[in-house]
Structures are given as structure tokens and as C-alpha cells.
Amino acid sequence: MSATFRKFCSMLATGIFACIYACAQSGPVLHAHNDYTRKQPLFSALEAGIQSIEIDVYYHKKRVVVSHIPLFLGAKKDLPALYGTALRQAEALGMLPPQLTFMLDIKSGHDSTTFYALQSIFRCTGGIRGTQFRVLLTGGYKRRQAALFGNAGIVFDASLAAFLAGGDIPPQSGRLSCSYSSFRKAVKELGSQAVKERLALASEQGIQTRVWGAGNRTAVWTYLCNMGISIVNCDKYDKARHFLSQYPSNSPANIPSH
């Protein structure tokens, strides 16, 4: 298989995933910020109707360790311990949704962290039926390592700030993200209408948009959703779930609860 044909297949698969997610989401959705800090990782998010899970990972002494900072990594749990068993239990209980995104924030610790992190998450999700898993890479990921897994539902996080400023959406992007301060700066410099038009363009192409670092304030969530941001980044799951109930497509009757 030629490199050109592999690239075409990869872009086609990414487009299919984008269309599936765009069709499945007609309103804002929730993203679980640092879900692994919960007493019950995965379960708390699923109970709140969340279908996007964020996991920070380091590679440390042959383990994919889940942690926000590189301190005491030897004492931290690894990815399979936190999510492998939980996924099997959620499957047995019928809690898994039709689509589920794992956003792996690749930290440091090893040049091949991307490879080992992907290997680990695919071992966790392997064999589970009825759920279409998508892996979204952000942080210090290495595209060449991701390419070793072929068309396995891997997409990349890209700069929302750069896109709002007129940049193109990079190939294989599944989401555009930026900090709240960067977003506010873009609105100030470009104007609200221009930002809304760019966000609408991303939505038309099936690309999700997320702003992080905005806190868990209802007023801010409302502002971002009204601007056209498609993902509510949250730490307070119940509060965010209640917030989304104002949107018809995300009313309590349409959000799975277990």
C-alpha cells in the first residue's frame, strides 16, 4: 500500500468519524476535565451523560501513568488500572454510550509516550462491542507514533485560536481547543460576529470546539455556547448536566442515566 493511499484512507476515516459525531450531537456536549481525579473514574462521567473523558498520561518505568504533574509517578495508578476494569464493568452494566471519546493529554517522560499510551488505551477498549471509541490526542503527541496504529479512530486536537485567526484545520483534526483567555482575546480582536462565523464553519465540517480554563460558571458556559462552542469543559458534572438540560437535544430525557 502506497504512502499516498494510506494518507487518503486515514483522511477518509477521520471524515467518517467527524460525520458520525456531528450527526450524533445536535447541541452542546460535556467534556470531563481530568476525570481520573474522581473517586469513581469513568462511572461518574457516564452517570452524568458525559461522552468525552480527559486523561493526562506520562510514561514512567514501563507504565503509562495517569497524573496531572510529574511528581510521585511511581505511586500513581496506570491507565489500565483506572479504566480497563471500569470499562468492562460499565459494559456489563449497559452503561456505555454508542460513542465515547478518550482525550489523552500526552505529557512527558519518554519520547515514545504517544505509542505506549495508545497501546494501553486500545488494550482497555479492545473487544468491547456496541460502543464506537475515538481517541483524541492532545499535548505533546507524536503523529508518527500514532500513524503506526493505522486507521484506528485516532484524531488530533488542534489550536482553536489559530483557526479563529483564519488558519486552516489541520488534517485528522477531531477537535479545536484553546484557553479561555485566548478565546476572549480573539473575540476582542476579531469581533463576536467573526468568531461566531468561524465556529459555525468548524461545526459545518464536523469539528468540535472546546475552551478550557473557563471554570465551572453557568454564565460563562452560556456565553460560550451562545458563541457557538460545542463542548462544555467541566469539573462539576451534575452542575453541567443540569445546565445542558436547557438544550432540547440534551434534555434529561435524552441523556442516559444509570
C-alpha atoms as a PDB file:
ATOM      1  CA  MET A   1       0.000   0.000   0.000  1.00  0.00           C
ATOM      2  CA  SER A   2       1.492   3.348  -1.055  1.00  0.00           C
ATOM      3  CA  ALA A   3       2.034   6.190   1.398  1.00  0.00           C
ATOM      4  CA  THR A   4      -0.383   8.352  -0.623  1.00  0.00           C
ATOM      5  CA  PHE A   5      -3.130   5.732  -0.435  1.00  0.00           C
ATOM      6  CA  ARG A   6      -2.588   5.253   3.329  1.00  0.00           C
ATOM      7  CA  LYS A   7      -2.878   9.016   3.811  1.00  0.00           C
ATOM      8  CA  PHE A   8      -6.102   9.059   1.774  1.00  0.00           C
ATOM      9  CA  CYS A   9      -7.582   6.217   3.847  1.00  0.00           C
ATOM     10  CA  SER A  10      -6.594   7.970   7.048  1.00  0.00           C
ATOM     11  CA  MET A  11      -8.256  11.238   5.966  1.00  0.00           C
ATOM     12  CA  LEU A  12     -11.356   9.338   4.814  1.00  0.00           C
ATOM     13  CA  ALA A  13     -11.641   7.539   8.159  1.00  0.00           C
ATOM     14  CA  THR A  14     -11.250  10.831  10.016  1.00  0.00           C
ATOM     15  CA  GLY A  15     -14.001  12.364   7.906  1.00  0.00           C
ATOM     16  CA  ILE A  16     -16.318   9.446   8.647  1.00  0.00           C
ATOM     17  CA  PHE A  17     -15.701   9.781  12.393  1.00  0.00           C
ATOM     18  CA  ALA A  18     -16.333  13.526  12.204  1.00  0.00           C
ATOM     19  CA  CYS A  19     -19.640  12.982  10.397  1.00  0.00           C
ATOM     20  CA  ILE A  20     -20.761  10.352  12.899  1.00  0.00           C
ATOM     21  CA  TYR A  21     -20.049  12.635  15.830  1.00  0.00           C
ATOM     22  CA  ALA A  22     -21.576  15.676  14.175  1.00  0.00           C
ATOM     23  CA  CYS A  23     -24.797  13.787  13.421  1.00  0.00           C
ATOM     24  CA  ALA A  24     -24.959  12.392  16.940  1.00  0.00           C
ATOM     25  CA  GLN A  25     -24.565  15.794  18.563  1.00  0.00           C
ATOM     26  CA  SER A  26     -27.118  18.482  17.684  1.00  0.00           C
ATOM     27  CA  GLY A  27     -26.360  20.583  20.771  1.00  0.00           C
ATOM     28  CA  PRO A  28     -23.503  21.235  23.214  1.00  0.00           C
ATOM     29  CA  VAL A  29     -21.984  18.182  24.895  1.00  0.00           C
ATOM     30  CA  LEU A  30     -19.955  17.688  28.057  1.00  0.00           C
ATOM     31  CA  HIS A  31     -16.244  17.007  28.393  1.00  0.00           C
ATOM     32  CA  ALA A  32     -14.931  15.595  31.678  1.00  0.00           C
ATOM     33  CA  HIS A  33     -11.850  17.547  32.686  1.00  0.00           C
ATOM     34  CA  ASN A  34      -9.325  15.302  34.449  1.00  0.00           C
ATOM     35  CA  ASP A  35     -11.891  12.570  35.076  1.00  0.00           C
ATOM     36  CA  TYR A  36      -9.263  10.353  36.709  1.00  0.00           C
ATOM     37  CA  THR A  37      -9.299  12.522  39.848  1.00  0.00           C
ATOM     38  CA  ARG A  38     -12.800  11.276  40.678  1.00  0.00           C
ATOM     39  CA  LYS A  39     -13.486   8.636  43.295  1.00  0.00           C
ATOM     40  CA  GLN A  40     -15.053   6.590  40.504  1.00  0.00           C
ATOM     41  CA  PRO A  41     -13.290   7.418  37.239  1.00  0.00           C
ATOM     42  CA  LEU A  42     -15.463   6.816  34.174  1.00  0.00           C
ATOM     43  CA  PHE A  43     -18.598   5.893  36.143  1.00  0.00           C
ATOM     44  CA  SER A  44     -19.224   9.404  37.470  1.00  0.00           C
ATOM     45  CA  ALA A  45     -18.874  10.784  33.954  1.00  0.00           C
ATOM     46  CA  LEU A  46     -21.146   8.173  32.376  1.00  0.00           C
ATOM     47  CA  GLU A  47     -23.812   8.757  35.013  1.00  0.00           C
ATOM     48  CA  ALA A  48     -23.766  12.457  34.078  1.00  0.00           C
ATOM     49  CA  GLY A  49     -24.204  11.661  30.384  1.00  0.00           C
ATOM     50  CA  ILE A  50     -20.635  12.637  29.517  1.00  0.00           C
ATOM     51  CA  GLN A  51     -19.129  11.069  26.417  1.00  0.00           C
ATOM     52  CA  SER A  52     -15.696  12.730  26.358  1.00  0.00           C
ATOM     53  CA  ILE A  53     -13.123  11.763  29.000  1.00  0.00           C
ATOM     54  CA  GLU A  54      -9.813  13.555  29.585  1.00  0.00           C
ATOM     55  CA  ILE A  55      -6.805  11.592  30.845  1.00  0.00           C
ATOM     56  CA  ASP A  56      -3.316  13.038  31.433  1.00  0.00           C
ATOM     57  CA  VAL A  57      -0.567  10.470  30.909  1.00  0.00           C
ATOM     58  CA  TYR A  58       3.162  10.060  31.439  1.00  0.00           C
ATOM     59  CA  TYR A  59       5.349   7.094  30.550  1.00  0.00           C
ATOM     60  CA  HIS A  60       7.281   6.090  33.650  1.00  0.00           C
ATOM     61  CA  LYS A  61       9.232   2.876  34.216  1.00  0.00           C
ATOM     62  CA  LYS A  62       7.382   0.922  31.536  1.00  0.00           C
ATOM     63  CA  ARG A  63       3.958   2.096  32.747  1.00  0.00           C
ATOM     64  CA  VAL A  64       1.507   4.586  31.277  1.00  0.00           C
ATOM     65  CA  VAL A  65       0.895   6.561  34.458  1.00  0.00           C
ATOM     66  CA  VAL A  66      -2.126   8.838  34.876  1.00  0.00           C
ATOM     67  CA  SER A  67      -1.200  12.137  36.510  1.00  0.00           C
ATOM     68  CA  HIS A  68      -1.544  15.881  36.018  1.00  0.00           C
ATOM     69  CA  ILE A  69       2.011  16.653  37.152  1.00  0.00           C
ATOM     70  CA  PRO A  70       5.250  14.619  37.037  1.00  0.00           C
ATOM     71  CA  LEU A  71       5.563  14.115  40.778  1.00  0.00           C
ATOM     72  CA  PHE A  72       5.494  10.780  42.628  1.00  0.00           C
ATOM     73  CA  LEU A  73       4.697   8.937  39.402  1.00  0.00           C
ATOM     74  CA  GLY A  74       5.781   5.650  40.913  1.00  0.00           C
ATOM     75  CA  ALA A  75       2.904   5.872  43.391  1.00  0.00           C
ATOM     76  CA  LYS A  76       0.281   6.815  40.789  1.00  0.00           C
ATOM     77  CA  LYS A  77      -2.067   4.360  39.102  1.00  0.00           C
ATOM     78  CA  ASP A  78      -1.637   3.441  35.476  1.00  0.00           C
ATOM     79  CA  LEU A  79      -4.166   3.703  32.664  1.00  0.00           C
ATOM     80  CA  PRO A  80      -5.351   0.058  32.672  1.00  0.00           C
ATOM     81  CA  ALA A  81      -5.850   0.093  36.446  1.00  0.00           C
ATOM     82  CA  LEU A  82      -8.070   3.168  36.278  1.00  0.00           C
ATOM     83  CA  TYR A  83     -10.004   2.480  33.086  1.00  0.00           C
ATOM     84  CA  GLY A  84      -9.521  -1.105  31.928  1.00  0.00           C
ATOM     85  CA  THR A  85     -11.630  -2.788  34.590  1.00  0.00           C
ATOM     86  CA  ALA A  86     -14.045   0.154  34.733  1.00  0.00           C
ATOM     87  CA  LEU A  87     -14.796  -0.185  31.019  1.00  0.00           C
ATOM     88  CA  ARG A  88     -15.549  -3.897  31.353  1.00  0.00           C
ATOM     89  CA  GLN A  89     -17.827  -3.267  34.310  1.00  0.00           C
ATOM     90  CA  ALA A  90     -19.610  -0.422  32.519  1.00  0.00           C
ATOM     91  CA  GLU A  91     -20.111  -2.670  29.504  1.00  0.00           C
ATOM     92  CA  ALA A  92     -21.608  -5.412  31.682  1.00  0.00           C
ATOM     93  CA  LEU A  93     -23.958  -2.889  33.297  1.00  0.00           C
ATOM     94  CA  GLY A  94     -25.041  -1.474  29.939  1.00  0.00           C
ATOM     95  CA  MET A  95     -23.694   1.979  30.826  1.00  0.00           C
ATOM     96  CA  LEU A  96     -21.516   2.604  27.786  1.00  0.00           C
ATOM     97  CA  PRO A  97     -22.945   5.063  25.212  1.00  0.00           C
ATOM     98  CA  PRO A  98     -22.867   4.484  21.431  1.00  0.00           C
ATOM     99  CA  GLN A  99     -19.877   6.840  21.110  1.00  0.00           C
ATOM    100  CA  LEU A 100     -17.148   7.580  23.640  1.00  0.00           C
ATOM    101  CA  THR A 101     -14.061   9.781  23.257  1.00  0.00           C
ATOM    102  CA  PHE A 102     -10.914   9.388  25.327  1.00  0.00           C
ATOM    103  CA  MET A 103      -8.795  12.524  25.148  1.00  0.00           C
ATOM    104  CA  LEU A 104      -5.243  11.543  26.014  1.00  0.00           C
ATOM    105  CA  ASP A 105      -3.188  14.539  27.081  1.00  0.00           C
ATOM    106  CA  ILE A 106       0.343  13.377  26.344  1.00  0.00           C
ATOM    107  CA  LYS A 107       2.707  14.803  28.912  1.00  0.00           C
ATOM    108  CA  SER A 108       6.396  13.871  29.038  1.00  0.00           C
ATOM    109  CA  GLY A 109       8.592  11.160  30.447  1.00  0.00           C
ATOM    110  CA  HIS A 110       9.601   9.370  27.259  1.00  0.00           C
ATOM    111  CA  ASP A 111       9.942  10.067  23.541  1.00  0.00           C
ATOM    112  CA  SER A 112       7.507   7.222  22.813  1.00  0.00           C
ATOM    113  CA  THR A 113       4.800   8.203  25.294  1.00  0.00           C
ATOM    114  CA  THR A 114       2.289   8.556  22.454  1.00  0.00           C
ATOM    115  CA  PHE A 115       2.882   4.999  21.292  1.00  0.00           C
ATOM    116  CA  TYR A 116       2.620   3.425  24.729  1.00  0.00           C
ATOM    117  CA  ALA A 117      -0.427   5.499  25.649  1.00  0.00           C
ATOM    118  CA  LEU A 118      -2.280   4.441  22.510  1.00  0.00           C
ATOM    119  CA  GLN A 119      -1.257   0.830  23.004  1.00  0.00           C
ATOM    120  CA  SER A 120      -2.606   0.982  26.546  1.00  0.00           C
ATOM    121  CA  ILE A 121      -5.954   2.597  25.734  1.00  0.00           C
ATOM    122  CA  PHE A 122      -6.610   0.190  22.866  1.00  0.00           C
ATOM    123  CA  ARG A 123      -5.966  -2.735  25.187  1.00  0.00           C
ATOM    124  CA  CYS A 124      -8.561  -1.253  27.538  1.00  0.00           C
ATOM    125  CA  THR A 125     -11.186  -0.825  24.814  1.00  0.00           C
ATOM    126  CA  GLY A 126     -10.377  -3.931  22.801  1.00  0.00           C
ATOM    127  CA  GLY A 127     -13.202  -6.438  22.485  1.00  0.00           C
ATOM    128  CA  ILE A 128     -15.911  -4.086  23.733  1.00  0.00           C
ATOM    129  CA  ARG A 129     -18.869  -4.080  21.382  1.00  0.00           C
ATOM    130  CA  GLY A 130     -21.691  -1.633  20.927  1.00  0.00           C
ATOM    131  CA  THR A 131     -19.553   1.460  21.530  1.00  0.00           C
ATOM    132  CA  GLN A 132     -17.527   3.323  18.951  1.00  0.00           C
ATOM    133  CA  PHE A 133     -14.388   4.574  20.649  1.00  0.00           C
ATOM    134  CA  ARG A 134     -12.458   7.594  19.465  1.00  0.00           C
ATOM    135  CA  VAL A 135      -9.035   8.592  20.781  1.00  0.00           C
ATOM    136  CA  LEU A 136      -8.261  12.303  20.694  1.00  0.00           C
ATOM    137  CA  LEU A 137      -4.606  13.174  21.191  1.00  0.00           C
ATOM    138  CA  THR A 138      -3.572  16.484  22.691  1.00  0.00           C
ATOM    139  CA  GLY A 139      -0.487  17.899  24.390  1.00  0.00           C
ATOM    140  CA  GLY A 140       2.933  16.639  23.282  1.00  0.00           C
ATOM    141  CA  TYR A 141       1.737  13.870  20.996  1.00  0.00           C
ATOM    142  CA  LYS A 142       3.812  12.457  18.144  1.00  0.00           C
ATOM    143  CA  ARG A 143       1.904  11.963  14.901  1.00  0.00           C
ATOM    144  CA  ARG A 144       4.437   9.496  13.527  1.00  0.00           C
ATOM    145  CA  GLN A 145       3.804   7.206  16.502  1.00  0.00           C
ATOM    146  CA  ALA A 146       0.039   7.476  16.083  1.00  0.00           C
ATOM    147  CA  ALA A 147       0.412   6.526  12.426  1.00  0.00           C
ATOM    148  CA  LEU A 148       1.717   3.111  13.496  1.00  0.00           C
ATOM    149  CA  PHE A 149      -1.831   2.216  14.601  1.00  0.00           C
ATOM    150  CA  GLY A 150      -3.379   2.859  11.183  1.00  0.00           C
ATOM    151  CA  ASN A 151      -6.999   3.956  10.906  1.00  0.00           C
ATOM    152  CA  ALA A 152      -7.927   3.168  14.487  1.00  0.00           C
ATOM    153  CA  GLY A 153     -10.205   6.111  15.228  1.00  0.00           C
ATOM    154  CA  ILE A 154      -7.338   8.404  16.229  1.00  0.00           C
ATOM    155  CA  VAL A 155      -7.778  12.150  15.749  1.00  0.00           C
ATOM    156  CA  PHE A 156      -5.865  15.183  16.972  1.00  0.00           C
ATOM    157  CA  ASP A 157      -6.552  18.286  18.983  1.00  0.00           C
ATOM    158  CA  ALA A 158      -5.576  21.489  17.172  1.00  0.00           C
ATOM    159  CA  SER A 159      -5.403  25.179  18.008  1.00  0.00           C
ATOM    160  CA  LEU A 160      -8.771  26.899  18.128  1.00  0.00           C
ATOM    161  CA  ALA A 161      -7.064  30.284  18.486  1.00  0.00           C
ATOM    162  CA  ALA A 162      -5.163  29.759  15.228  1.00  0.00           C
ATOM    163  CA  PHE A 163      -8.341  28.702  13.434  1.00  0.00           C
ATOM    164  CA  LEU A 164     -10.290  31.719  14.684  1.00  0.00           C
ATOM    165  CA  ALA A 165      -7.499  33.929  13.352  1.00  0.00           C
ATOM    166  CA  GLY A 166      -8.075  32.489   9.874  1.00  0.00           C
ATOM    167  CA  GLY A 167      -5.953  29.367   9.896  1.00  0.00           C
ATOM    168  CA  ASP A 168      -6.893  26.071   8.285  1.00  0.00           C
ATOM    169  CA  ILE A 169      -7.991  22.972  10.161  1.00  0.00           C
ATOM    170  CA  PRO A 170      -5.016  20.566  10.137  1.00  0.00           C
ATOM    171  CA  PRO A 171      -5.542  17.069   8.683  1.00  0.00           C
ATOM    172  CA  GLN A 172      -7.012  14.445  11.024  1.00  0.00           C
ATOM    173  CA  SER A 173      -8.256  17.057  13.477  1.00  0.00           C
ATOM    174  CA  GLY A 174     -11.181  15.967  15.617  1.00  0.00           C
ATOM    175  CA  ARG A 175     -11.351  18.988  17.861  1.00  0.00           C
ATOM    176  CA  LEU A 176     -10.147  22.572  18.136  1.00  0.00           C
ATOM    177  CA  SER A 177      -9.242  23.865  21.602  1.00  0.00           C
ATOM    178  CA  CYS A 178      -7.802  26.924  23.287  1.00  0.00           C
ATOM    179  CA  SER A 179      -7.715  28.587  26.691  1.00  0.00           C
ATOM    180  CA  TYR A 180     -10.473  30.905  27.832  1.00  0.00           C
ATOM    181  CA  SER A 181      -8.067  33.853  27.870  1.00  0.00           C
ATOM    182  CA  SER A 182      -7.059  33.127  24.262  1.00  0.00           C
ATOM    183  CA  PHE A 183     -10.698  32.882  23.239  1.00  0.00           C
ATOM    184  CA  ARG A 184     -11.581  36.188  24.880  1.00  0.00           C
ATOM    185  CA  LYS A 185      -8.583  37.787  23.175  1.00  0.00           C
ATOM    186  CA  ALA A 186      -9.802  36.510  19.789  1.00  0.00           C
ATOM    187  CA  VAL A 187     -13.277  37.914  20.410  1.00  0.00           C
ATOM    188  CA  LYS A 188     -11.799  41.276  21.377  1.00  0.00           C
ATOM    189  CA  GLU A 189      -9.547  41.440  18.321  1.00  0.00           C
ATOM    190  CA  LEU A 190     -11.843  39.921  15.685  1.00  0.00           C
ATOM    191  CA  GLY A 191     -15.282  40.776  16.998  1.00  0.00           C
ATOM    192  CA  SER A 192     -18.068  38.468  18.175  1.00  0.00           C
ATOM    193  CA  GLN A 193     -19.675  38.036  14.767  1.00  0.00           C
ATOM    194  CA  ALA A 194     -16.441  36.989  13.064  1.00  0.00           C
ATOM    195  CA  VAL A 195     -15.728  34.459  15.816  1.00  0.00           C
ATOM    196  CA  LYS A 196     -19.267  33.061  15.570  1.00  0.00           C
ATOM    197  CA  GLU A 197     -18.856  32.642  11.811  1.00  0.00           C
ATOM    198  CA  ARG A 198     -15.589  30.759  12.233  1.00  0.00           C
ATOM    199  CA  LEU A 199     -17.108  28.492  14.884  1.00  0.00           C
ATOM    200  CA  ALA A 200     -20.073  27.818  12.605  1.00  0.00           C
ATOM    201  CA  LEU A 201     -17.628  26.862   9.845  1.00  0.00           C
ATOM    202  CA  ALA A 202     -15.904  24.368  12.134  1.00  0.00           C
ATOM    203  CA  SER A 203     -19.282  22.910  13.101  1.00  0.00           C
ATOM    204  CA  GLU A 204     -20.271  22.511   9.454  1.00  0.00           C
ATOM    205  CA  GLN A 205     -17.128  20.448   8.932  1.00  0.00           C
ATOM    206  CA  GLY A 206     -17.967  18.205  11.886  1.00  0.00           C
ATOM    207  CA  ILE A 207     -15.193  19.599  14.078  1.00  0.00           C
ATOM    208  CA  GLN A 208     -15.839  20.038  17.792  1.00  0.00           C
ATOM    209  CA  THR A 209     -14.663  23.173  19.609  1.00  0.00           C
ATOM    210  CA  ARG A 210     -13.642  23.443  23.257  1.00  0.00           C
ATOM    211  CA  VAL A 211     -12.450  26.192  25.587  1.00  0.00           C
ATOM    212  CA  TRP A 212     -10.544  25.189  28.704  1.00  0.00           C
ATOM    213  CA  GLY A 213      -9.671  27.147  31.804  1.00  0.00           C
ATOM    214  CA  ALA A 214     -13.059  28.876  31.966  1.00  0.00           C
ATOM    215  CA  GLY A 215     -14.055  27.425  35.330  1.00  0.00           C
ATOM    216  CA  ASN A 216     -17.444  25.943  36.147  1.00  0.00           C
ATOM    217  CA  ARG A 217     -19.611  29.047  35.981  1.00  0.00           C
ATOM    218  CA  THR A 218     -23.033  28.798  34.359  1.00  0.00           C
ATOM    219  CA  ALA A 219     -22.782  32.338  32.989  1.00  0.00           C
ATOM    220  CA  VAL A 220     -19.534  31.502  31.200  1.00  0.00           C
ATOM    221  CA  TRP A 221     -20.910  28.233  29.828  1.00  0.00           C
ATOM    222  CA  THR A 222     -23.924  30.130  28.494  1.00  0.00           C
ATOM    223  CA  TYR A 223     -21.703  32.723  26.853  1.00  0.00           C
ATOM    224  CA  LEU A 224     -19.502  30.100  25.191  1.00  0.00           C
ATOM    225  CA  CYS A 225     -22.451  28.037  23.939  1.00  0.00           C
ATOM    226  CA  ASN A 226     -24.159  31.144  22.574  1.00  0.00           C
ATOM    227  CA  MET A 227     -20.970  31.972  20.700  1.00  0.00           C
ATOM    228  CA  GLY A 228     -21.017  28.517  19.128  1.00  0.00           C
ATOM    229  CA  ILE A 229     -18.577  26.494  21.240  1.00  0.00           C
ATOM    230  CA  SER A 230     -19.782  22.888  21.037  1.00  0.00           C
ATOM    231  CA  ILE A 231     -18.224  21.407  24.187  1.00  0.00           C
ATOM    232  CA  VAL A 232     -18.755  22.390  27.809  1.00  0.00           C
ATOM    233  CA  ASN A 233     -15.497  21.696  29.646  1.00  0.00           C
ATOM    234  CA  CYS A 234     -16.476  20.759  33.198  1.00  0.00           C
ATOM    235  CA  ASP A 235     -15.277  19.536  36.574  1.00  0.00           C
ATOM    236  CA  LYS A 236     -18.703  19.706  38.237  1.00  0.00           C
ATOM    237  CA  TYR A 237     -20.583  17.022  36.345  1.00  0.00           C
ATOM    238  CA  ASP A 238     -24.019  17.388  37.927  1.00  0.00           C
ATOM    239  CA  LYS A 239     -23.991  21.152  37.527  1.00  0.00           C
ATOM    240  CA  ALA A 240     -23.018  20.855  33.871  1.00  0.00           C
ATOM    241  CA  ARG A 241     -25.653  18.193  33.231  1.00  0.00           C
ATOM    242  CA  HIS A 242     -28.316  20.462  34.711  1.00  0.00           C
ATOM    243  CA  PHE A 243     -27.022  23.333  32.568  1.00  0.00           C
ATOM    244  CA  LEU A 244     -27.367  21.308  29.371  1.00  0.00           C
ATOM    245  CA  SER A 245     -30.968  20.377  30.189  1.00  0.00           C
ATOM    246  CA  GLN A 246     -31.986  23.755  28.722  1.00  0.00           C
ATOM    247  CA  TYR A 247     -30.994  22.483  25.289  1.00  0.00           C
ATOM    248  CA  PRO A 248     -33.729  20.278  23.708  1.00  0.00           C
ATOM    249  CA  SER A 249     -31.292  17.697  22.331  1.00  0.00           C
ATOM    250  CA  ASN A 250     -29.677  17.355  25.763  1.00  0.00           C
ATOM    251  CA  SER A 251     -32.763  17.337  27.944  1.00  0.00           C
ATOM    252  CA  PRO A 252     -32.771  14.834  30.844  1.00  0.00           C
ATOM    253  CA  ALA A 253     -34.976  12.516  28.809  1.00  0.00           C
ATOM    254  CA  ASN A 254     -32.266  12.259  26.131  1.00  0.00           C
ATOM    255  CA  ILE A 255     -29.261  11.913  28.426  1.00  0.00           C
ATOM    256  CA  PRO A 256     -28.558   8.357  29.595  1.00  0.00           C
ATOM    257  CA  SER A 257     -28.767   7.896  33.334  1.00  0.00           C
ATOM    258  CA  HIS A 258     -27.802   4.779  35.304  1.00  0.00           C
END
